[in-house]
N, C-alpha and C. Protein backbone atom coordinates (compact mmCIF):
# COMPACT_ATOMS: atom_id res chain seq x y z
N MET A 1 26.20 4.25 45.20
CA MET A 1 26.81 5.54 44.91
C MET A 1 27.93 5.33 43.90
N SER A 2 28.11 6.32 43.04
CA SER A 2 29.18 6.24 42.06
C SER A 2 29.69 7.64 41.74
N PHE A 3 30.87 7.69 41.15
CA PHE A 3 31.48 8.94 40.70
C PHE A 3 31.52 8.93 39.19
N HIS A 4 31.30 10.11 38.58
CA HIS A 4 31.33 10.23 37.13
C HIS A 4 32.08 11.50 36.77
N PRO A 5 33.16 11.39 35.97
CA PRO A 5 33.94 12.59 35.62
C PRO A 5 33.17 13.56 34.74
N TYR A 6 33.42 14.85 34.96
CA TYR A 6 32.85 15.92 34.15
C TYR A 6 34.02 16.75 33.65
N LEU A 7 34.19 16.81 32.34
CA LEU A 7 35.32 17.48 31.72
C LEU A 7 34.91 18.84 31.17
N PHE A 8 35.74 19.85 31.38
CA PHE A 8 35.50 21.18 30.82
C PHE A 8 36.51 21.42 29.70
N PHE A 9 36.01 21.91 28.58
CA PHE A 9 36.85 22.17 27.42
C PHE A 9 36.84 23.65 27.09
N SER A 10 37.99 24.15 26.71
CA SER A 10 38.11 25.52 26.24
C SER A 10 38.16 25.52 24.72
N ASN A 11 37.96 26.66 24.14
CA ASN A 11 38.08 26.84 22.69
C ASN A 11 37.04 26.06 21.90
N GLY A 12 35.89 25.75 22.50
CA GLY A 12 34.82 25.08 21.77
C GLY A 12 35.12 23.67 21.32
N GLN A 13 35.95 22.93 22.05
CA GLN A 13 36.37 21.59 21.64
C GLN A 13 35.49 20.47 22.16
N CYS A 14 34.51 20.76 23.00
CA CYS A 14 33.74 19.69 23.64
C CYS A 14 33.03 18.79 22.64
N ALA A 15 32.33 19.35 21.67
CA ALA A 15 31.58 18.53 20.71
C ALA A 15 32.52 17.59 19.95
N GLU A 16 33.64 18.13 19.49
CA GLU A 16 34.61 17.31 18.77
C GLU A 16 35.17 16.21 19.66
N ALA A 17 35.50 16.56 20.90
CA ALA A 17 36.04 15.57 21.84
C ALA A 17 35.03 14.46 22.11
N PHE A 18 33.79 14.82 22.35
CA PHE A 18 32.80 13.80 22.67
C PHE A 18 32.44 12.94 21.45
N ARG A 19 32.48 13.50 20.25
CA ARG A 19 32.30 12.66 19.06
C ARG A 19 33.44 11.65 18.96
N ARG A 20 34.67 12.12 19.27
CA ARG A 20 35.83 11.22 19.24
C ARG A 20 35.70 10.13 20.30
N TYR A 21 35.33 10.51 21.52
CA TYR A 21 35.16 9.52 22.59
C TYR A 21 34.05 8.52 22.23
N HIS A 22 33.00 8.99 21.59
CA HIS A 22 31.93 8.10 21.17
C HIS A 22 32.45 7.11 20.12
N ASP A 23 33.29 7.58 19.18
CA ASP A 23 33.90 6.68 18.20
C ASP A 23 34.75 5.61 18.88
N ILE A 24 35.45 6.00 19.95
CA ILE A 24 36.35 5.07 20.64
C ILE A 24 35.58 4.10 21.53
N PHE A 25 34.66 4.62 22.35
CA PHE A 25 34.01 3.81 23.39
C PHE A 25 32.64 3.29 23.00
N GLY A 26 31.97 3.96 22.06
CA GLY A 26 30.58 3.61 21.77
C GLY A 26 29.68 4.21 22.84
N GLY A 27 28.59 3.55 23.15
CA GLY A 27 27.66 4.04 24.16
C GLY A 27 26.65 5.01 23.57
N GLU A 28 25.90 5.64 24.46
CA GLU A 28 24.85 6.59 24.06
C GLU A 28 25.36 8.01 24.22
N LEU A 29 25.50 8.71 23.10
CA LEU A 29 26.01 10.08 23.08
C LEU A 29 24.86 11.07 23.06
N GLN A 30 24.95 12.09 23.92
CA GLN A 30 24.01 13.20 23.90
C GLN A 30 24.80 14.50 23.98
N VAL A 31 24.47 15.45 23.11
CA VAL A 31 25.15 16.75 23.08
C VAL A 31 24.08 17.84 22.96
N MET A 32 24.14 18.83 23.85
CA MET A 32 23.22 19.97 23.80
C MET A 32 24.05 21.25 23.73
N THR A 33 23.84 22.04 22.68
CA THR A 33 24.57 23.30 22.54
C THR A 33 23.78 24.43 23.20
N ASN A 34 24.45 25.56 23.36
CA ASN A 34 23.78 26.73 23.93
C ASN A 34 22.63 27.19 23.03
N ALA A 35 22.74 26.96 21.73
CA ALA A 35 21.68 27.34 20.81
C ALA A 35 20.40 26.52 21.04
N GLU A 36 20.54 25.38 21.71
CA GLU A 36 19.40 24.50 21.97
C GLU A 36 18.76 24.71 23.33
N LEU A 37 19.17 25.76 24.04
CA LEU A 37 18.56 26.05 25.33
C LEU A 37 17.06 26.26 25.18
N PRO A 38 16.27 25.86 26.17
CA PRO A 38 14.83 26.12 26.10
C PRO A 38 14.56 27.62 26.02
N GLU A 39 13.47 27.97 25.39
CA GLU A 39 13.08 29.37 25.23
C GLU A 39 13.01 30.04 26.60
N GLY A 40 13.59 31.23 26.68
CA GLY A 40 13.58 31.99 27.93
C GLY A 40 14.80 31.75 28.81
N GLU A 41 15.60 30.72 28.49
CA GLU A 41 16.82 30.44 29.25
C GLU A 41 18.00 31.12 28.58
N GLU A 42 18.97 31.54 29.37
CA GLU A 42 20.14 32.23 28.83
C GLU A 42 21.40 31.43 29.09
N ALA A 43 22.30 31.47 28.13
CA ALA A 43 23.60 30.81 28.28
C ALA A 43 24.48 31.62 29.22
N MET A 44 25.54 30.99 29.70
CA MET A 44 26.51 31.71 30.53
C MET A 44 27.10 32.87 29.73
N PRO A 45 27.47 33.96 30.39
CA PRO A 45 28.11 35.06 29.68
C PRO A 45 29.37 34.57 28.95
N GLY A 46 29.52 34.96 27.71
CA GLY A 46 30.68 34.56 26.92
C GLY A 46 30.51 33.26 26.17
N ALA A 47 29.40 32.54 26.40
CA ALA A 47 29.19 31.25 25.74
C ALA A 47 28.65 31.46 24.34
N ALA A 48 29.34 30.92 23.36
CA ALA A 48 28.90 31.00 21.97
C ALA A 48 27.74 30.03 21.74
N PRO A 49 26.83 30.35 20.83
CA PRO A 49 25.69 29.47 20.56
C PRO A 49 26.09 28.04 20.18
N GLU A 50 27.20 27.89 19.44
CA GLU A 50 27.62 26.55 19.00
C GLU A 50 28.38 25.78 20.08
N HIS A 51 28.73 26.43 21.17
CA HIS A 51 29.44 25.73 22.25
C HIS A 51 28.49 24.80 23.00
N VAL A 52 29.07 23.76 23.56
CA VAL A 52 28.29 22.72 24.23
C VAL A 52 27.95 23.15 25.66
N LEU A 53 26.65 23.10 25.95
CA LEU A 53 26.16 23.34 27.30
C LEU A 53 26.34 22.08 28.15
N HIS A 54 26.06 20.91 27.55
CA HIS A 54 26.22 19.65 28.26
C HIS A 54 26.33 18.51 27.25
N ALA A 55 27.29 17.63 27.49
CA ALA A 55 27.45 16.42 26.69
C ALA A 55 27.61 15.24 27.62
N SER A 56 27.20 14.07 27.15
CA SER A 56 27.39 12.87 27.96
C SER A 56 27.49 11.65 27.07
N ILE A 57 28.20 10.66 27.59
CA ILE A 57 28.24 9.33 26.99
C ILE A 57 27.93 8.35 28.10
N GLN A 58 26.84 7.62 27.94
CA GLN A 58 26.45 6.56 28.86
C GLN A 58 26.97 5.26 28.28
N LEU A 59 27.78 4.55 29.05
CA LEU A 59 28.34 3.28 28.61
C LEU A 59 28.20 2.30 29.76
N GLY A 60 27.23 1.42 29.69
CA GLY A 60 26.94 0.54 30.81
C GLY A 60 26.54 1.39 32.01
N THR A 61 27.21 1.17 33.13
CA THR A 61 26.92 1.97 34.32
C THR A 61 27.82 3.20 34.40
N GLY A 62 28.74 3.35 33.44
CA GLY A 62 29.64 4.50 33.42
C GLY A 62 29.02 5.69 32.70
N LEU A 63 29.41 6.86 33.14
CA LEU A 63 28.91 8.10 32.54
C LEU A 63 30.06 9.10 32.47
N LEU A 64 30.37 9.55 31.26
CA LEU A 64 31.36 10.59 31.04
C LEU A 64 30.60 11.83 30.60
N MET A 65 30.85 12.95 31.28
CA MET A 65 30.12 14.18 30.96
C MET A 65 31.09 15.32 30.73
N GLY A 66 30.61 16.37 30.05
CA GLY A 66 31.46 17.52 29.82
C GLY A 66 30.71 18.67 29.19
N SER A 67 31.43 19.80 29.06
CA SER A 67 30.88 20.97 28.40
C SER A 67 32.02 21.90 28.01
N ASP A 68 31.69 22.86 27.15
CA ASP A 68 32.63 23.94 26.87
C ASP A 68 32.56 24.91 28.03
N ASP A 69 33.70 25.45 28.41
CA ASP A 69 33.79 26.38 29.53
C ASP A 69 34.22 27.74 29.01
N PRO A 70 33.27 28.68 28.87
CA PRO A 70 33.65 29.99 28.34
C PRO A 70 34.57 30.78 29.27
N THR A 71 34.71 30.34 30.52
CA THR A 71 35.60 31.04 31.44
C THR A 71 36.98 30.40 31.51
N GLY A 72 37.19 29.26 30.78
CA GLY A 72 38.46 28.54 30.84
C GLY A 72 39.58 29.28 30.14
N ASP A 73 40.80 28.90 30.49
CA ASP A 73 41.98 29.56 29.92
C ASP A 73 42.59 28.80 28.75
N GLY A 74 42.02 27.67 28.40
CA GLY A 74 42.52 26.91 27.27
C GLY A 74 43.71 26.04 27.58
N GLY A 75 44.17 26.04 28.82
CA GLY A 75 45.34 25.25 29.19
C GLY A 75 45.00 23.79 29.41
N PRO A 76 46.02 22.97 29.60
CA PRO A 76 45.79 21.54 29.81
C PRO A 76 45.09 21.28 31.14
N LYS A 77 44.39 20.15 31.18
CA LYS A 77 43.77 19.73 32.43
C LYS A 77 44.85 19.05 33.26
N VAL A 78 45.05 19.46 34.50
CA VAL A 78 46.11 18.89 35.32
C VAL A 78 45.54 18.41 36.65
N GLY A 79 46.24 17.48 37.26
CA GLY A 79 45.86 17.01 38.58
C GLY A 79 44.76 15.97 38.60
N VAL A 80 44.35 15.50 37.43
CA VAL A 80 43.30 14.48 37.37
C VAL A 80 43.46 13.69 36.07
N ALA A 81 43.03 12.44 36.09
CA ALA A 81 43.02 11.61 34.89
C ALA A 81 41.74 10.80 34.88
N VAL A 82 41.20 10.59 33.71
CA VAL A 82 40.05 9.71 33.55
C VAL A 82 40.60 8.31 33.33
N THR A 83 40.09 7.34 34.09
CA THR A 83 40.55 5.96 33.97
C THR A 83 39.51 5.13 33.26
N TYR A 84 39.96 4.37 32.28
CA TYR A 84 39.09 3.43 31.58
C TYR A 84 39.59 2.03 31.89
N LEU A 85 38.69 1.16 32.38
CA LEU A 85 39.04 -0.23 32.66
C LEU A 85 38.54 -1.09 31.51
N ALA A 86 39.46 -1.66 30.76
CA ALA A 86 39.11 -2.51 29.62
C ALA A 86 38.93 -3.95 30.09
N ALA A 87 38.06 -4.66 29.39
CA ALA A 87 37.78 -6.05 29.75
C ALA A 87 38.92 -7.00 29.36
N ASP A 88 39.70 -6.64 28.33
CA ASP A 88 40.77 -7.53 27.87
C ASP A 88 41.89 -6.69 27.25
N GLU A 89 43.01 -7.36 27.01
CA GLU A 89 44.21 -6.67 26.51
C GLU A 89 43.99 -6.04 25.13
N GLN A 90 43.29 -6.73 24.23
CA GLN A 90 43.06 -6.19 22.89
C GLN A 90 42.24 -4.90 22.95
N THR A 91 41.20 -4.89 23.77
CA THR A 91 40.38 -3.69 23.91
C THR A 91 41.19 -2.57 24.55
N GLY A 92 41.96 -2.91 25.58
CA GLY A 92 42.79 -1.91 26.24
C GLY A 92 43.77 -1.26 25.29
N LYS A 93 44.43 -2.05 24.48
CA LYS A 93 45.41 -1.53 23.53
C LYS A 93 44.73 -0.67 22.46
N ARG A 94 43.58 -1.13 21.95
CA ARG A 94 42.85 -0.37 20.93
C ARG A 94 42.41 0.99 21.48
N VAL A 95 41.84 0.99 22.68
CA VAL A 95 41.38 2.24 23.29
C VAL A 95 42.55 3.16 23.58
N PHE A 96 43.63 2.62 24.12
CA PHE A 96 44.80 3.44 24.43
C PHE A 96 45.35 4.09 23.17
N ASP A 97 45.53 3.31 22.12
CA ASP A 97 46.08 3.85 20.87
C ASP A 97 45.18 4.94 20.29
N ALA A 98 43.87 4.74 20.37
CA ALA A 98 42.94 5.74 19.84
C ALA A 98 42.98 7.02 20.66
N LEU A 99 43.05 6.91 21.97
CA LEU A 99 43.13 8.10 22.82
C LEU A 99 44.45 8.84 22.62
N ALA A 100 45.53 8.11 22.44
CA ALA A 100 46.86 8.72 22.31
C ALA A 100 47.08 9.36 20.94
N GLU A 101 46.26 8.98 19.94
CA GLU A 101 46.44 9.52 18.59
C GLU A 101 46.32 11.05 18.59
N GLY A 102 47.37 11.71 18.16
CA GLY A 102 47.39 13.17 18.13
C GLY A 102 47.69 13.80 19.48
N GLY A 103 47.92 12.98 20.47
CA GLY A 103 48.23 13.47 21.81
C GLY A 103 49.65 13.10 22.21
N GLU A 104 49.83 12.80 23.49
CA GLU A 104 51.16 12.48 24.01
C GLU A 104 51.10 11.24 24.89
N VAL A 105 51.91 10.24 24.57
CA VAL A 105 52.00 9.04 25.39
C VAL A 105 52.93 9.33 26.57
N LEU A 106 52.42 9.15 27.76
CA LEU A 106 53.23 9.33 28.97
C LEU A 106 53.86 8.02 29.41
N MET A 107 53.11 6.93 29.26
CA MET A 107 53.60 5.58 29.54
C MET A 107 52.89 4.65 28.56
N ALA A 108 53.66 3.97 27.73
CA ALA A 108 53.09 3.08 26.72
C ALA A 108 52.23 2.01 27.38
N PHE A 109 51.21 1.55 26.68
CA PHE A 109 50.35 0.47 27.18
C PHE A 109 51.17 -0.81 27.19
N GLN A 110 51.33 -1.37 28.39
CA GLN A 110 52.19 -2.54 28.56
C GLN A 110 51.87 -3.25 29.86
N PRO A 111 52.34 -4.49 30.01
CA PRO A 111 52.17 -5.18 31.28
C PRO A 111 53.00 -4.48 32.37
N THR A 112 52.46 -4.48 33.58
CA THR A 112 53.17 -3.94 34.74
C THR A 112 53.04 -4.93 35.89
N PHE A 113 53.65 -4.61 37.01
CA PHE A 113 53.54 -5.49 38.17
C PHE A 113 52.12 -5.50 38.73
N PHE A 114 51.32 -4.48 38.41
CA PHE A 114 49.96 -4.39 38.97
C PHE A 114 48.86 -4.63 37.94
N SER A 115 49.22 -4.83 36.67
CA SER A 115 48.20 -5.01 35.65
C SER A 115 48.78 -5.75 34.44
N LYS A 116 47.93 -6.54 33.77
CA LYS A 116 48.35 -7.19 32.53
C LYS A 116 48.49 -6.18 31.40
N GLY A 117 47.95 -4.99 31.59
CA GLY A 117 48.07 -3.93 30.61
C GLY A 117 47.68 -2.59 31.21
N PHE A 118 48.57 -1.60 31.10
CA PHE A 118 48.32 -0.28 31.66
C PHE A 118 49.10 0.75 30.85
N GLY A 119 48.50 1.90 30.61
CA GLY A 119 49.19 2.98 29.93
C GLY A 119 48.55 4.31 30.26
N THR A 120 49.33 5.39 30.12
CA THR A 120 48.81 6.73 30.37
C THR A 120 49.15 7.62 29.17
N CYS A 121 48.23 8.54 28.89
CA CYS A 121 48.44 9.48 27.79
C CYS A 121 47.64 10.75 28.04
N VAL A 122 47.99 11.77 27.29
CA VAL A 122 47.20 12.99 27.23
C VAL A 122 46.65 13.05 25.82
N ASP A 123 45.32 13.08 25.67
CA ASP A 123 44.76 13.08 24.33
C ASP A 123 44.90 14.44 23.67
N ARG A 124 44.50 14.55 22.43
CA ARG A 124 44.68 15.79 21.67
C ARG A 124 43.83 16.94 22.18
N PHE A 125 42.93 16.66 23.13
CA PHE A 125 42.11 17.70 23.74
C PHE A 125 42.64 18.14 25.10
N GLY A 126 43.79 17.57 25.51
CA GLY A 126 44.40 17.94 26.78
C GLY A 126 43.90 17.16 27.98
N VAL A 127 43.15 16.08 27.75
CA VAL A 127 42.62 15.26 28.83
C VAL A 127 43.59 14.13 29.14
N ASN A 128 43.92 13.97 30.42
CA ASN A 128 44.78 12.88 30.87
C ASN A 128 43.95 11.61 31.00
N TRP A 129 44.46 10.52 30.44
CA TRP A 129 43.79 9.22 30.49
C TRP A 129 44.71 8.16 31.06
N MET A 130 44.14 7.22 31.80
CA MET A 130 44.81 5.99 32.21
C MET A 130 43.95 4.85 31.70
N VAL A 131 44.55 3.94 30.95
CA VAL A 131 43.85 2.76 30.47
C VAL A 131 44.43 1.57 31.22
N ASP A 132 43.56 0.83 31.86
CA ASP A 132 43.96 -0.29 32.70
C ASP A 132 43.09 -1.49 32.31
N LEU A 133 43.43 -2.66 32.80
CA LEU A 133 42.65 -3.87 32.56
C LEU A 133 41.95 -4.29 33.83
N GLU A 134 40.73 -4.77 33.66
CA GLU A 134 39.99 -5.33 34.79
C GLU A 134 40.68 -6.61 35.25
N GLY A 135 40.51 -6.96 36.51
CA GLY A 135 41.04 -8.21 37.02
C GLY A 135 42.42 -8.06 37.62
N GLU A 136 42.90 -9.16 38.14
CA GLU A 136 44.20 -9.19 38.81
C GLU A 136 45.32 -9.41 37.80
N PRO A 137 46.51 -8.87 38.08
CA PRO A 137 47.64 -9.13 37.19
C PRO A 137 47.97 -10.61 37.17
N GLY A 138 48.19 -11.13 35.97
CA GLY A 138 48.55 -12.55 35.85
C GLY A 138 47.38 -13.50 36.04
N ALA A 139 46.17 -12.94 36.29
CA ALA A 139 45.02 -13.82 36.51
C ALA A 139 44.42 -14.27 35.19
């Protein structure tokens, strides 16, 4: 069993966000807009044809998913953060810097008592991220 985050974006930002995440993380990107719905299917009320019905990035066993939410208020996502576990400090720093670009750093990526590298930020799409390193601190 596993958990996989699903992000909702307001203002039609999902496609842009997932292209950015794909640039940062790599993996297999899939994006389906409302315009690509199968014949006879209808989009949610208020959904623009260019808005994303479903997007995903498969990276190893991890899966990040999302869509545009025509019912959303456009405000920041609160009460949750997506955590990325990097294999090494260089990858962690690179990913953190890329996610923080155009956003807000809440805690700079740095060594802590619980990790050789950890940082938190809100990206330019309003998504809270925590970047951590795999393994034990000091190991």
